[in-house]
Amino acid sequence: MLKVEDIHTYYGDSHILQGISLEVGKGEVIGILGRNGMGKTTFIRSVIGYTPPRRGQVTFQNKEITNKQPYQIARLGICAVPQGRQIFPSLNVVENLTVGFKGGSSDWTLEKIYELFPPLRERERHPGNRLSGGEQQMLAIGRSLMTNPSLLLMDEPTEGLAPLFVQKVGEVILKLQRTGISILLVEQNLRFTIKHAHYIHIMNRGMIVHLSSPQELEKNHDIKARYLGV
């Protein structure tokens, strides 16, 4: 579904991503782990078009998207759940959810989002800034689903959440994967990523330095200590 080949991304003269390659298949959850400042968010921005790579190629469903604008990429079926949620604080839950709604018989609807996240139904008239961190994360995921994506880019979805909400995010990832939605999961939470990803890449200083199954990574104490500080 998504294929990234040897991309190099810069901020000015700073060479951030240095030859990243990976693939995400239909219904797969692919994890990217790494410490802060290693290029994980830049990778998300490169795929979605906010910071296009200067070299390399990104293809989605056999169409090259390397130099497309973010709105064009979103229309093809890719949506990002950004780090820090970034909901609209003055809009209520319904307004946040419907701001990017794409109509259609098989699309996600408000009712489907409420079935996935019951607390949002109870707070549908509350402004975003009156929700808890966990509720805001539900809202950010729900808002992305309303665009009817086939690929979700999730950037640190468990950051700052209480354990109960972390568990809820994990349950949602499993449900979405069963529907055929693919997920690129960027995280620092090693335990969470091992539990939910089919395959894991570790990023360090803008490069992929290790890739393995979750089971193999769990046993590799040297790699975890060297690149994740575990």
C-alpha atoms as a PDB file:
ATOM      1  CA  MET A   1       0.000   0.000   0.000  1.00  0.00           C
ATOM      2  CA  LEU A   2       2.664   2.535   1.073  1.00  0.00           C
ATOM      3  CA  LYS A   3       6.222   2.253  -0.203  1.00  0.00           C
ATOM      4  CA  VAL A   4       8.979   4.642   0.845  1.00  0.00           C
ATOM      5  CA  GLU A   5      12.256   4.337  -1.025  1.00  0.00           C
ATOM      6  CA  ASP A   6      15.504   5.986   0.100  1.00  0.00           C
ATOM      7  CA  ILE A   7      14.026   9.358   1.052  1.00  0.00           C
ATOM      8  CA  HIS A   8      16.209  12.249   2.192  1.00  0.00           C
ATOM      9  CA  THR A   9      14.519  15.192   3.897  1.00  0.00           C
ATOM     10  CA  TYR A  10      16.077  18.503   4.948  1.00  0.00           C
ATOM     11  CA  TYR A  11      15.201  21.492   7.086  1.00  0.00           C
ATOM     12  CA  GLY A  12      17.236  24.167   5.387  1.00  0.00           C
ATOM     13  CA  ASP A  13      20.768  22.753   5.221  1.00  0.00           C
ATOM     14  CA  SER A  14      20.129  20.227   8.002  1.00  0.00           C
ATOM     15  CA  HIS A  15      19.966  16.681   6.618  1.00  0.00           C
ATOM     16  CA  ILE A  16      17.269  15.099   8.820  1.00  0.00           C
ATOM     17  CA  LEU A  17      16.183  11.891   7.063  1.00  0.00           C
ATOM     18  CA  GLN A  18      19.103  10.057   5.519  1.00  0.00           C
ATOM     19  CA  GLY A  19      17.856   7.311   3.263  1.00  0.00           C
ATOM     20  CA  ILE A  20      14.692   5.938   4.893  1.00  0.00           C
ATOM     21  CA  SER A  21      12.980   2.977   3.216  1.00  0.00           C
ATOM     22  CA  LEU A  22       9.995   0.933   4.409  1.00  0.00           C
ATOM     23  CA  GLU A  23       6.693  -0.552   3.296  1.00  0.00           C
ATOM     24  CA  VAL A  24       3.225  -0.790   4.825  1.00  0.00           C
ATOM     25  CA  GLY A  25       0.822  -3.430   3.497  1.00  0.00           C
ATOM     26  CA  LYS A  26      -2.956  -3.449   3.630  1.00  0.00           C
ATOM     27  CA  GLY A  27      -4.219  -3.976   7.169  1.00  0.00           C
ATOM     28  CA  GLU A  28      -0.696  -3.886   8.625  1.00  0.00           C
ATOM     29  CA  VAL A  29       0.456  -1.945  11.667  1.00  0.00           C
ATOM     30  CA  ILE A  30       4.073  -0.912  11.146  1.00  0.00           C
ATOM     31  CA  GLY A  31       5.836   0.611  14.142  1.00  0.00           C
ATOM     32  CA  ILE A  32       8.607   3.191  14.196  1.00  0.00           C
ATOM     33  CA  LEU A  33      10.430   3.557  17.499  1.00  0.00           C
ATOM     34  CA  GLY A  34      13.133   5.981  18.543  1.00  0.00           C
ATOM     35  CA  ARG A  35      14.157   8.612  21.039  1.00  0.00           C
ATOM     36  CA  ASN A  36      13.109  12.263  20.679  1.00  0.00           C
ATOM     37  CA  GLY A  37      14.812  14.178  17.903  1.00  0.00           C
ATOM     38  CA  MET A  38      15.655  11.153  15.757  1.00  0.00           C
ATOM     39  CA  GLY A  39      13.463  12.138  12.792  1.00  0.00           C
ATOM     40  CA  LYS A  40      10.241  10.230  13.471  1.00  0.00           C
ATOM     41  CA  THR A  41       7.888  13.193  13.123  1.00  0.00           C
ATOM     42  CA  THR A  42       9.836  14.466  10.119  1.00  0.00           C
ATOM     43  CA  PHE A  43       9.203  11.098   8.510  1.00  0.00           C
ATOM     44  CA  ILE A  44       5.443  11.488   9.039  1.00  0.00           C
ATOM     45  CA  ARG A  45       5.638  15.016   7.589  1.00  0.00           C
ATOM     46  CA  SER A  46       7.531  13.717   4.568  1.00  0.00           C
ATOM     47  CA  VAL A  47       4.915  11.073   3.798  1.00  0.00           C
ATOM     48  CA  ILE A  48       1.930  13.426   4.188  1.00  0.00           C
ATOM     49  CA  GLY A  49       3.605  16.183   2.173  1.00  0.00           C
ATOM     50  CA  TYR A  50       4.260  18.874   4.796  1.00  0.00           C
ATOM     51  CA  THR A  51       8.035  18.521   4.390  1.00  0.00           C
ATOM     52  CA  PRO A  52       8.604  16.763   1.058  1.00  0.00           C
ATOM     53  CA  PRO A  53      11.826  14.794   0.636  1.00  0.00           C
ATOM     54  CA  ARG A  54      14.435  16.240  -1.704  1.00  0.00           C
ATOM     55  CA  ARG A  55      15.507  12.782  -2.823  1.00  0.00           C
ATOM     56  CA  GLY A  56      13.859   9.379  -2.947  1.00  0.00           C
ATOM     57  CA  GLN A  57      10.317   8.310  -3.724  1.00  0.00           C
ATOM     58  CA  VAL A  58       7.037   7.793  -1.865  1.00  0.00           C
ATOM     59  CA  THR A  59       4.300   5.755  -3.549  1.00  0.00           C
ATOM     60  CA  PHE A  60       0.804   4.980  -2.280  1.00  0.00           C
ATOM     61  CA  GLN A  61      -1.354   2.365  -3.943  1.00  0.00           C
ATOM     62  CA  ASN A  62       1.090   2.378  -6.880  1.00  0.00           C
ATOM     63  CA  LYS A  63       0.823   6.164  -7.364  1.00  0.00           C
ATOM     64  CA  GLU A  64       3.812   8.399  -6.723  1.00  0.00           C
ATOM     65  CA  ILE A  65       2.989  11.062  -4.134  1.00  0.00           C
ATOM     66  CA  THR A  66       6.495  12.392  -3.418  1.00  0.00           C
ATOM     67  CA  ASN A  67       5.822  15.928  -4.661  1.00  0.00           C
ATOM     68  CA  LYS A  68       2.061  16.159  -4.175  1.00  0.00           C
ATOM     69  CA  GLN A  69       0.469  18.732  -1.874  1.00  0.00           C
ATOM     70  CA  PRO A  70      -0.895  17.534   1.498  1.00  0.00           C
ATOM     71  CA  TYR A  71      -4.522  18.027   0.442  1.00  0.00           C
ATOM     72  CA  GLN A  72      -3.913  15.903  -2.672  1.00  0.00           C
ATOM     73  CA  ILE A  73      -2.350  13.146  -0.563  1.00  0.00           C
ATOM     74  CA  ALA A  74      -5.265  13.269   1.887  1.00  0.00           C
ATOM     75  CA  ARG A  75      -7.735  12.855  -0.973  1.00  0.00           C
ATOM     76  CA  LEU A  76      -5.962   9.642  -1.962  1.00  0.00           C
ATOM     77  CA  GLY A  77      -6.712   8.130   1.457  1.00  0.00           C
ATOM     78  CA  ILE A  78      -3.847   9.039   3.819  1.00  0.00           C
ATOM     79  CA  CYS A  79      -4.551  10.923   7.027  1.00  0.00           C
ATOM     80  CA  ALA A  80      -2.328  11.875   9.955  1.00  0.00           C
ATOM     81  CA  VAL A  81      -3.190  11.837  13.648  1.00  0.00           C
ATOM     82  CA  PRO A  82      -0.627  14.458  14.729  1.00  0.00           C
ATOM     83  CA  GLN A  83       1.508  14.488  17.830  1.00  0.00           C
ATOM     84  CA  GLY A  84      -0.141  16.608  20.518  1.00  0.00           C
ATOM     85  CA  ARG A  85      -3.635  15.969  19.066  1.00  0.00           C
ATOM     86  CA  GLN A  86      -3.962  19.497  17.531  1.00  0.00           C
ATOM     87  CA  ILE A  87      -7.738  19.579  17.698  1.00  0.00           C
ATOM     88  CA  PHE A  88      -9.601  22.865  17.248  1.00  0.00           C
ATOM     89  CA  PRO A  89     -10.004  24.076  20.859  1.00  0.00           C
ATOM     90  CA  SER A  90     -12.920  26.470  20.250  1.00  0.00           C
ATOM     91  CA  LEU A  91     -14.957  24.002  18.169  1.00  0.00           C
ATOM     92  CA  ASN A  92     -17.142  21.448  19.887  1.00  0.00           C
ATOM     93  CA  VAL A  93     -16.822  17.694  19.388  1.00  0.00           C
ATOM     94  CA  VAL A  94     -19.296  17.514  16.499  1.00  0.00           C
ATOM     95  CA  GLU A  95     -17.682  20.445  14.709  1.00  0.00           C
ATOM     96  CA  ASN A  96     -14.200  18.940  15.128  1.00  0.00           C
ATOM     97  CA  LEU A  97     -15.371  15.611  13.771  1.00  0.00           C
ATOM     98  CA  THR A  98     -17.226  16.972  10.754  1.00  0.00           C
ATOM     99  CA  VAL A  99     -14.712  19.589   9.631  1.00  0.00           C
ATOM    100  CA  GLY A 100     -13.059  17.120   7.244  1.00  0.00           C
ATOM    101  CA  PHE A 101     -15.986  14.784   6.616  1.00  0.00           C
ATOM    102  CA  LYS A 102     -16.123  13.071   3.241  1.00  0.00           C
ATOM    103  CA  GLY A 103     -19.560  11.792   2.285  1.00  0.00           C
ATOM    104  CA  GLY A 104     -20.300   8.371   0.872  1.00  0.00           C
ATOM    105  CA  SER A 105     -22.196   5.198   1.665  1.00  0.00           C
ATOM    106  CA  SER A 106     -19.252   3.336   3.176  1.00  0.00           C
ATOM    107  CA  ASP A 107     -17.603   6.257   4.950  1.00  0.00           C
ATOM    108  CA  TRP A 108     -17.174   6.775   8.642  1.00  0.00           C
ATOM    109  CA  THR A 109     -20.055   8.703  10.162  1.00  0.00           C
ATOM    110  CA  LEU A 110     -20.664  10.415  13.481  1.00  0.00           C
ATOM    111  CA  GLU A 111     -22.579   7.374  14.674  1.00  0.00           C
ATOM    112  CA  LYS A 112     -19.695   5.054  13.835  1.00  0.00           C
ATOM    113  CA  ILE A 113     -17.270   7.339  15.670  1.00  0.00           C
ATOM    114  CA  TYR A 114     -19.539   7.417  18.712  1.00  0.00           C
ATOM    115  CA  GLU A 115     -19.729   3.613  18.675  1.00  0.00           C
ATOM    116  CA  LEU A 116     -15.929   3.510  18.662  1.00  0.00           C
ATOM    117  CA  PHE A 117     -15.579   6.287  21.283  1.00  0.00           C
ATOM    118  CA  PRO A 118     -18.721   6.420  23.497  1.00  0.00           C
ATOM    119  CA  PRO A 119     -17.403   9.306  25.675  1.00  0.00           C
ATOM    120  CA  LEU A 120     -17.472  11.602  22.637  1.00  0.00           C
ATOM    121  CA  ARG A 121     -21.240  11.132  22.299  1.00  0.00           C
ATOM    122  CA  GLU A 122     -21.694  12.308  25.884  1.00  0.00           C
ATOM    123  CA  ARG A 123     -19.559  15.393  25.224  1.00  0.00           C
ATOM    124  CA  GLU A 124     -20.589  16.198  21.661  1.00  0.00           C
ATOM    125  CA  ARG A 125     -21.454  19.831  22.492  1.00  0.00           C
ATOM    126  CA  HIS A 126     -18.349  20.442  24.596  1.00  0.00           C
ATOM    127  CA  PRO A 127     -15.555  22.563  23.075  1.00  0.00           C
ATOM    128  CA  GLY A 128     -12.283  20.759  22.457  1.00  0.00           C
ATOM    129  CA  ASN A 129     -10.436  22.630  25.202  1.00  0.00           C
ATOM    130  CA  ARG A 130     -12.837  21.244  27.821  1.00  0.00           C
ATOM    131  CA  LEU A 131     -11.984  17.617  27.066  1.00  0.00           C
ATOM    132  CA  SER A 132      -9.424  15.547  28.936  1.00  0.00           C
ATOM    133  CA  GLY A 133      -6.199  14.520  27.194  1.00  0.00           C
ATOM    134  CA  GLY A 134      -7.573  11.066  26.507  1.00  0.00           C
ATOM    135  CA  GLU A 135     -10.822  12.444  25.117  1.00  0.00           C
ATOM    136  CA  GLN A 136      -8.876  14.831  22.903  1.00  0.00           C
ATOM    137  CA  GLN A 137      -6.901  11.890  21.538  1.00  0.00           C
ATOM    138  CA  MET A 138     -10.154  10.050  20.801  1.00  0.00           C
ATOM    139  CA  LEU A 139     -11.352  13.183  19.016  1.00  0.00           C
ATOM    140  CA  ALA A 140      -8.148  13.470  16.973  1.00  0.00           C
ATOM    141  CA  ILE A 141      -8.419   9.839  15.849  1.00  0.00           C
ATOM    142  CA  GLY A 142     -12.140  10.216  15.127  1.00  0.00           C
ATOM    143  CA  ARG A 143     -11.552  13.379  13.098  1.00  0.00           C
ATOM    144  CA  SER A 144      -9.008  11.510  10.972  1.00  0.00           C
ATOM    145  CA  LEU A 145     -11.354   8.571  10.436  1.00  0.00           C
ATOM    146  CA  MET A 146     -14.065  10.923   9.175  1.00  0.00           C
ATOM    147  CA  THR A 147     -11.902  11.504   6.089  1.00  0.00           C
ATOM    148  CA  ASN A 148     -12.334   7.782   5.334  1.00  0.00           C
ATOM    149  CA  PRO A 149      -8.622   6.922   5.133  1.00  0.00           C
ATOM    150  CA  SER A 150      -7.089   3.636   4.070  1.00  0.00           C
ATOM    151  CA  LEU A 151      -3.805   4.571   5.794  1.00  0.00           C
ATOM    152  CA  LEU A 152      -3.456   6.316   9.166  1.00  0.00           C
ATOM    153  CA  LEU A 153      -0.197   7.961  10.213  1.00  0.00           C
ATOM    154  CA  MET A 154      -0.281   8.019  14.016  1.00  0.00           C
ATOM    155  CA  ASP A 155       2.371  10.209  15.657  1.00  0.00           C
ATOM    156  CA  GLU A 156       2.873   9.403  19.371  1.00  0.00           C
ATOM    157  CA  PRO A 157      -0.815   8.562  20.028  1.00  0.00           C
ATOM    158  CA  THR A 158      -0.150   7.455  23.637  1.00  0.00           C
ATOM    159  CA  GLU A 159       1.917  10.486  24.637  1.00  0.00           C
ATOM    160  CA  GLY A 160       0.768  11.941  27.962  1.00  0.00           C
ATOM    161  CA  LEU A 161      -2.182   9.581  28.345  1.00  0.00           C
ATOM    162  CA  ALA A 162      -3.269   7.746  31.477  1.00  0.00           C
ATOM    163  CA  PRO A 163      -2.953   3.937  31.296  1.00  0.00           C
ATOM    164  CA  LEU A 164      -6.701   3.498  30.774  1.00  0.00           C
ATOM    165  CA  PHE A 165      -6.638   5.687  27.663  1.00  0.00           C
ATOM    166  CA  VAL A 166      -3.452   4.014  26.399  1.00  0.00           C
ATOM    167  CA  GLN A 167      -5.328   0.718  26.576  1.00  0.00           C
ATOM    168  CA  LYS A 168      -8.255   2.273  24.682  1.00  0.00           C
ATOM    169  CA  VAL A 169      -5.960   3.501  21.890  1.00  0.00           C
ATOM    170  CA  GLY A 170      -4.573  -0.016  21.606  1.00  0.00           C
ATOM    171  CA  GLU A 171      -8.057  -1.491  21.332  1.00  0.00           C
ATOM    172  CA  VAL A 172      -8.935   1.005  18.601  1.00  0.00           C
ATOM    173  CA  ILE A 173      -5.800   0.143  16.622  1.00  0.00           C
ATOM    174  CA  LEU A 174      -6.779  -3.531  16.680  1.00  0.00           C
ATOM    175  CA  LYS A 175     -10.327  -2.738  15.540  1.00  0.00           C
ATOM    176  CA  LEU A 176      -9.125  -0.509  12.699  1.00  0.00           C
ATOM    177  CA  GLN A 177      -6.613  -3.097  11.552  1.00  0.00           C
ATOM    178  CA  ARG A 178      -9.393  -5.686  11.338  1.00  0.00           C
ATOM    179  CA  THR A 179     -11.347  -3.388   9.008  1.00  0.00           C
ATOM    180  CA  GLY A 180      -8.411  -3.299   6.591  1.00  0.00           C
ATOM    181  CA  ILE A 181      -7.050   0.136   7.537  1.00  0.00           C
ATOM    182  CA  SER A 182      -3.254   0.253   7.521  1.00  0.00           C
ATOM    183  CA  ILE A 183      -1.433   2.116  10.286  1.00  0.00           C
ATOM    184  CA  LEU A 184       2.025   3.637  10.474  1.00  0.00           C
ATOM    185  CA  LEU A 185       2.570   3.932  14.223  1.00  0.00           C
ATOM    186  CA  VAL A 186       5.285   6.312  15.433  1.00  0.00           C
ATOM    187  CA  GLU A 187       5.933   5.825  19.153  1.00  0.00           C
ATOM    188  CA  GLN A 188       8.353   5.960  22.053  1.00  0.00           C
ATOM    189  CA  ASN A 189       6.294   3.498  24.061  1.00  0.00           C
ATOM    190  CA  LEU A 190       8.171   0.239  23.476  1.00  0.00           C
ATOM    191  CA  ARG A 191       5.718  -2.061  25.257  1.00  0.00           C
ATOM    192  CA  PHE A 192       2.733  -0.581  23.403  1.00  0.00           C
ATOM    193  CA  THR A 193       4.425  -0.871  19.999  1.00  0.00           C
ATOM    194  CA  ILE A 194       5.579  -4.451  20.578  1.00  0.00           C
ATOM    195  CA  LYS A 195       2.029  -5.395  21.506  1.00  0.00           C
ATOM    196  CA  HIS A 196       0.311  -3.809  18.508  1.00  0.00           C
ATOM    197  CA  ALA A 197       2.737  -3.687  15.551  1.00  0.00           C
ATOM    198  CA  HIS A 198       3.290  -6.436  12.991  1.00  0.00           C
ATOM    199  CA  TYR A 199       6.812  -5.198  12.293  1.00  0.00           C
ATOM    200  CA  ILE A 200       9.042  -2.599  13.933  1.00  0.00           C
ATOM    201  CA  HIS A 201      11.669  -0.194  12.627  1.00  0.00           C
ATOM    202  CA  ILE A 202      13.991   1.698  14.990  1.00  0.00           C
ATOM    203  CA  MET A 203      15.114   5.146  13.886  1.00  0.00           C
ATOM    204  CA  ASN A 204      18.291   6.842  15.048  1.00  0.00           C
ATOM    205  CA  ARG A 205      19.651  10.131  13.709  1.00  0.00           C
ATOM    206  CA  GLY A 206      17.486  10.023  10.629  1.00  0.00           C
ATOM    207  CA  MET A 207      18.257   6.438   9.665  1.00  0.00           C
ATOM    208  CA  ILE A 208      16.653   3.047  10.180  1.00  0.00           C
ATOM    209  CA  VAL A 209      19.176   1.187  12.329  1.00  0.00           C
ATOM    210  CA  HIS A 210      17.168  -1.929  13.153  1.00  0.00           C
ATOM    211  CA  LEU A 211      14.116  -3.748  11.825  1.00  0.00           C
ATOM    212  CA  SER A 212      12.547  -6.916  13.145  1.00  0.00           C
ATOM    213  CA  SER A 213       9.384  -8.564  14.347  1.00  0.00           C
ATOM    214  CA  PRO A 214       8.108  -7.432  17.762  1.00  0.00           C
ATOM    215  CA  GLN A 215       9.017 -10.826  19.212  1.00  0.00           C
ATOM    216  CA  GLU A 216      12.608 -10.554  17.999  1.00  0.00           C
ATOM    217  CA  LEU A 217      12.975  -7.012  19.316  1.00  0.00           C
ATOM    218  CA  GLU A 218      11.601  -7.986  22.712  1.00  0.00           C
ATOM    219  CA  LYS A 219      14.461 -10.474  23.092  1.00  0.00           C
ATOM    220  CA  ASN A 220      17.172  -8.156  21.748  1.00  0.00           C
ATOM    221  CA  HIS A 221      18.321  -6.386  24.897  1.00  0.00           C
ATOM    222  CA  ASP A 222      21.414  -4.890  23.234  1.00  0.00           C
ATOM    223  CA  ILE A 223      19.391  -3.046  20.563  1.00  0.00           C
ATOM    224  CA  LYS A 224      16.834  -1.833  23.109  1.00  0.00           C
ATOM    225  CA  ALA A 225      19.564  -0.502  25.396  1.00  0.00           C
ATOM    226  CA  ARG A 226      21.570   1.118  22.597  1.00  0.00           C
ATOM    227  CA  TYR A 227      18.777   2.929  20.753  1.00  0.00           C
ATOM    228  CA  LEU A 228      15.827   3.111  23.134  1.00  0.00           C
ATOM    229  CA  GLY A 229      17.489   3.383  26.525  1.00  0.00           C
ATOM    230  CA  VAL A 230      15.560   0.372  27.842  1.00  0.00           C
END
